Amino acid sequence: MKEPPLRMCAACRHMKPKSELLRVCKTSQDAPVFDITGKEQGRGAYVCRLPACITKAKKARAFERALSSPVSATLYDLLMEEVTHAQH
């Protein structure tokens, strides 16, 4: 049986299956966006589905470093909203 692809969380640096993480993607023309499907083309960075990891990524500017592009506060709000809706 084939193992699932692993990706590293930008905040806690743990390797987890890609399906357990949220993806932020930077396409060639656009600013980084939340990739809901996980299949958008472009450079991606991942974060755990935990509020603590999202907060840590924001504080450490992890996506800015990983994607070499400024990330809006709205993006972090979208990620946090996705996590809180998933927990209920």
N, C-alpha and C. Protein backbone atom coordinates (compact mmCIF):
# COMPACT_ATOMS: atom_id res chain seq x y z
N MET A 1 0.84 -1.18 0.00
CA MET A 1 0.00 0.00 0.00
C MET A 1 0.89 1.25 0.00
N LYS A 2 0.49 2.23 -0.76
CA LYS A 2 1.26 3.46 -0.91
C LYS A 2 1.06 4.39 0.30
N GLU A 3 2.14 4.96 0.80
CA GLU A 3 2.06 5.88 1.93
C GLU A 3 1.59 7.25 1.44
N PRO A 4 0.83 7.97 2.28
CA PRO A 4 0.39 9.31 1.87
C PRO A 4 1.56 10.29 1.84
N PRO A 5 1.50 11.31 0.96
CA PRO A 5 2.59 12.29 0.91
C PRO A 5 2.66 13.09 2.21
N LEU A 6 3.85 13.34 2.68
CA LEU A 6 4.07 14.10 3.92
C LEU A 6 4.51 15.52 3.59
N ARG A 7 4.07 16.46 4.41
CA ARG A 7 4.48 17.85 4.28
C ARG A 7 4.80 18.37 5.69
N MET A 8 5.63 19.43 5.75
CA MET A 8 6.03 20.00 7.03
C MET A 8 5.20 21.23 7.36
N CYS A 9 4.73 21.30 8.59
CA CYS A 9 4.01 22.48 9.06
C CYS A 9 5.00 23.64 9.17
N ALA A 10 4.63 24.80 8.65
CA ALA A 10 5.51 25.96 8.67
C ALA A 10 5.70 26.50 10.09
N ALA A 11 4.79 26.18 11.00
CA ALA A 11 4.86 26.70 12.36
C ALA A 11 5.60 25.74 13.31
N CYS A 12 5.08 24.53 13.45
CA CYS A 12 5.66 23.59 14.43
C CYS A 12 6.74 22.68 13.85
N ARG A 13 6.88 22.69 12.52
CA ARG A 13 7.92 21.95 11.80
C ARG A 13 7.77 20.43 11.91
N HIS A 14 6.57 19.93 12.23
CA HIS A 14 6.32 18.49 12.26
C HIS A 14 5.87 18.02 10.89
N MET A 15 6.29 16.82 10.52
CA MET A 15 5.86 16.21 9.26
C MET A 15 4.53 15.51 9.49
N LYS A 16 3.56 15.81 8.63
CA LYS A 16 2.23 15.21 8.72
C LYS A 16 1.73 14.89 7.32
N PRO A 17 0.75 13.99 7.22
CA PRO A 17 0.16 13.74 5.91
C PRO A 17 -0.45 15.03 5.34
N LYS A 18 -0.28 15.21 4.05
CA LYS A 18 -0.75 16.42 3.37
C LYS A 18 -2.23 16.69 3.63
N SER A 19 -3.03 15.63 3.74
CA SER A 19 -4.47 15.79 3.93
C SER A 19 -4.84 16.37 5.30
N GLU A 20 -3.92 16.33 6.25
CA GLU A 20 -4.18 16.85 7.60
C GLU A 20 -3.77 18.31 7.76
N LEU A 21 -3.25 18.93 6.71
CA LEU A 21 -2.74 20.29 6.79
C LEU A 21 -3.54 21.24 5.92
N LEU A 22 -3.44 22.53 6.22
CA LEU A 22 -4.01 23.59 5.39
C LEU A 22 -2.89 24.15 4.51
N ARG A 23 -3.23 24.52 3.28
CA ARG A 23 -2.22 24.99 2.33
C ARG A 23 -2.44 26.45 1.97
N VAL A 24 -1.35 27.20 1.97
CA VAL A 24 -1.34 28.58 1.47
C VAL A 24 -0.49 28.54 0.21
N CYS A 25 -1.03 29.10 -0.88
CA CYS A 25 -0.40 28.99 -2.18
C CYS A 25 -0.10 30.35 -2.77
N LYS A 26 1.07 30.47 -3.39
CA LYS A 26 1.43 31.70 -4.10
C LYS A 26 1.57 31.36 -5.58
N THR A 27 0.68 31.92 -6.40
CA THR A 27 0.76 31.69 -7.84
C THR A 27 1.71 32.71 -8.44
N SER A 28 1.93 32.62 -9.72
CA SER A 28 2.91 33.50 -10.37
C SER A 28 2.53 34.98 -10.32
N GLN A 29 1.23 35.31 -10.40
CA GLN A 29 0.83 36.72 -10.42
C GLN A 29 0.27 37.22 -9.09
N ASP A 30 -0.32 36.36 -8.32
CA ASP A 30 -1.11 36.78 -7.17
C ASP A 30 -0.32 36.78 -5.86
N ALA A 31 -0.92 37.47 -4.89
CA ALA A 31 -0.43 37.39 -3.52
C ALA A 31 -0.84 36.02 -2.97
N PRO A 32 -0.23 35.56 -1.90
CA PRO A 32 -0.59 34.26 -1.33
C PRO A 32 -2.08 34.19 -0.97
N VAL A 33 -2.68 33.03 -1.24
CA VAL A 33 -4.10 32.79 -0.96
C VAL A 33 -4.25 31.45 -0.25
N PHE A 34 -5.36 31.30 0.46
CA PHE A 34 -5.71 30.04 1.11
C PHE A 34 -6.18 29.07 0.03
N ASP A 35 -5.50 27.96 -0.10
CA ASP A 35 -5.83 26.95 -1.12
C ASP A 35 -6.74 25.90 -0.48
N ILE A 36 -8.03 26.06 -0.67
CA ILE A 36 -9.01 25.17 -0.04
C ILE A 36 -8.87 23.74 -0.57
N THR A 37 -8.68 23.59 -1.86
CA THR A 37 -8.61 22.25 -2.47
C THR A 37 -7.27 21.57 -2.24
N GLY A 38 -6.21 22.35 -2.04
CA GLY A 38 -4.88 21.79 -1.89
C GLY A 38 -4.25 21.40 -3.21
N LYS A 39 -4.85 21.84 -4.33
CA LYS A 39 -4.36 21.44 -5.64
C LYS A 39 -4.05 22.61 -6.57
N GLU A 40 -4.08 23.83 -6.05
CA GLU A 40 -3.76 25.00 -6.89
C GLU A 40 -2.32 24.92 -7.34
N GLN A 41 -2.05 25.47 -8.52
CA GLN A 41 -0.69 25.51 -9.01
C GLN A 41 0.07 26.64 -8.32
N GLY A 42 1.34 26.43 -8.10
CA GLY A 42 2.16 27.45 -7.48
C GLY A 42 2.86 26.94 -6.24
N ARG A 43 3.70 27.77 -5.69
CA ARG A 43 4.46 27.42 -4.49
C ARG A 43 3.53 27.37 -3.29
N GLY A 44 3.64 26.35 -2.48
CA GLY A 44 2.76 26.19 -1.34
C GLY A 44 3.51 26.07 -0.03
N ALA A 45 2.83 26.43 1.03
CA ALA A 45 3.33 26.25 2.39
C ALA A 45 2.16 25.70 3.21
N TYR A 46 2.45 24.90 4.19
CA TYR A 46 1.42 24.19 4.94
C TYR A 46 1.46 24.55 6.41
N VAL A 47 0.28 24.41 7.05
CA VAL A 47 0.17 24.64 8.49
C VAL A 47 -0.83 23.64 9.05
N CYS A 48 -0.60 23.21 10.30
CA CYS A 48 -1.50 22.27 10.96
C CYS A 48 -2.89 22.89 11.14
N ARG A 49 -3.87 22.06 11.32
CA ARG A 49 -5.24 22.51 11.55
C ARG A 49 -5.46 22.79 13.05
N LEU A 50 -4.54 23.49 13.65
CA LEU A 50 -4.62 23.85 15.06
C LEU A 50 -4.51 25.36 15.21
N PRO A 51 -5.37 25.97 16.03
CA PRO A 51 -5.28 27.42 16.23
C PRO A 51 -3.90 27.85 16.72
N ALA A 52 -3.26 27.04 17.56
CA ALA A 52 -1.94 27.39 18.09
C ALA A 52 -0.90 27.47 16.97
N CYS A 53 -0.97 26.58 16.00
CA CYS A 53 -0.01 26.60 14.89
C CYS A 53 -0.24 27.80 13.98
N ILE A 54 -1.50 28.14 13.75
CA ILE A 54 -1.80 29.30 12.91
C ILE A 54 -1.31 30.57 13.58
N THR A 55 -1.53 30.69 14.87
CA THR A 55 -1.06 31.85 15.63
C THR A 55 0.46 31.93 15.62
N LYS A 56 1.11 30.78 15.79
CA LYS A 56 2.57 30.75 15.78
C LYS A 56 3.12 31.12 14.39
N ALA A 57 2.46 30.65 13.33
CA ALA A 57 2.90 30.98 11.97
C ALA A 57 2.76 32.48 11.72
N LYS A 58 1.70 33.08 12.22
CA LYS A 58 1.49 34.52 12.04
C LYS A 58 2.56 35.31 12.79
N LYS A 59 2.80 34.92 14.04
CA LYS A 59 3.78 35.62 14.87
C LYS A 59 5.19 35.50 14.31
N ALA A 60 5.54 34.31 13.80
CA ALA A 60 6.88 34.07 13.27
C ALA A 60 7.02 34.46 11.80
N ARG A 61 5.92 34.92 11.18
CA ARG A 61 5.91 35.29 9.77
C ARG A 61 6.40 34.13 8.89
N ALA A 62 5.93 32.94 9.23
CA ALA A 62 6.38 31.72 8.55
C ALA A 62 6.00 31.70 7.08
N PHE A 63 4.80 32.13 6.74
CA PHE A 63 4.38 32.11 5.33
C PHE A 63 5.13 33.17 4.52
N GLU A 64 5.42 34.30 5.13
CA GLU A 64 6.18 35.32 4.43
C GLU A 64 7.56 34.79 4.02
N ARG A 65 8.19 34.06 4.93
CA ARG A 65 9.51 33.50 4.64
C ARG A 65 9.42 32.36 3.64
N ALA A 66 8.45 31.49 3.80
CA ALA A 66 8.33 30.32 2.93
C ALA A 66 7.97 30.71 1.49
N LEU A 67 7.15 31.75 1.34
CA LEU A 67 6.67 32.13 0.02
C LEU A 67 7.35 33.37 -0.54
N SER A 68 8.22 33.98 0.23
CA SER A 68 8.93 35.21 -0.18
C SER A 68 7.97 36.27 -0.68
N SER A 69 6.92 36.48 0.07
CA SER A 69 5.89 37.44 -0.32
C SER A 69 5.12 37.88 0.92
N PRO A 70 4.68 39.14 0.97
CA PRO A 70 3.88 39.57 2.12
C PRO A 70 2.53 38.86 2.16
N VAL A 71 2.08 38.54 3.37
CA VAL A 71 0.82 37.84 3.57
C VAL A 71 -0.10 38.74 4.39
N SER A 72 -1.34 38.90 3.96
CA SER A 72 -2.28 39.78 4.65
C SER A 72 -2.82 39.12 5.93
N ALA A 73 -3.25 39.94 6.85
CA ALA A 73 -3.87 39.44 8.09
C ALA A 73 -5.17 38.72 7.78
N THR A 74 -5.82 39.10 6.69
CA THR A 74 -7.07 38.46 6.27
C THR A 74 -6.85 36.98 6.00
N LEU A 75 -5.71 36.63 5.45
CA LEU A 75 -5.40 35.23 5.15
C LEU A 75 -5.35 34.42 6.44
N TYR A 76 -4.70 34.96 7.46
CA TYR A 76 -4.64 34.25 8.74
C TYR A 76 -6.04 34.13 9.35
N ASP A 77 -6.88 35.15 9.17
CA ASP A 77 -8.26 35.08 9.66
C ASP A 77 -9.04 33.97 8.96
N LEU A 78 -8.83 33.82 7.65
CA LEU A 78 -9.49 32.75 6.90
C LEU A 78 -9.05 31.38 7.39
N LEU A 79 -7.76 31.22 7.65
CA LEU A 79 -7.25 29.95 8.15
C LEU A 79 -7.84 29.64 9.53
N MET A 80 -7.89 30.64 10.40
CA MET A 80 -8.43 30.46 11.74
C MET A 80 -9.93 30.10 11.68
N GLU A 81 -10.64 30.75 10.77
CA GLU A 81 -12.07 30.48 10.59
C GLU A 81 -12.28 29.04 10.12
N GLU A 82 -11.45 28.58 9.20
CA GLU A 82 -11.53 27.21 8.70
C GLU A 82 -11.32 26.20 9.83
N VAL A 83 -10.38 26.48 10.69
CA VAL A 83 -10.08 25.57 11.81
C VAL A 83 -11.21 25.56 12.82
N THR A 84 -11.74 26.73 13.16
CA THR A 84 -12.81 26.78 14.17
C THR A 84 -14.10 26.16 13.64
N HIS A 85 -14.39 26.29 12.35
CA HIS A 85 -15.58 25.65 11.79
C HIS A 85 -15.43 24.14 11.75
N ALA A 86 -14.23 23.66 11.52
CA ALA A 86 -13.98 22.22 11.46
C ALA A 86 -14.10 21.56 12.84
N GLN A 87 -13.83 22.32 13.89
CA GLN A 87 -13.90 21.75 15.24
C GLN A 87 -15.34 21.62 15.75
N HIS A 88 -16.26 22.38 15.18
CA HIS A 88 -17.66 22.33 15.66
C HIS A 88 -18.48 21.35 14.91
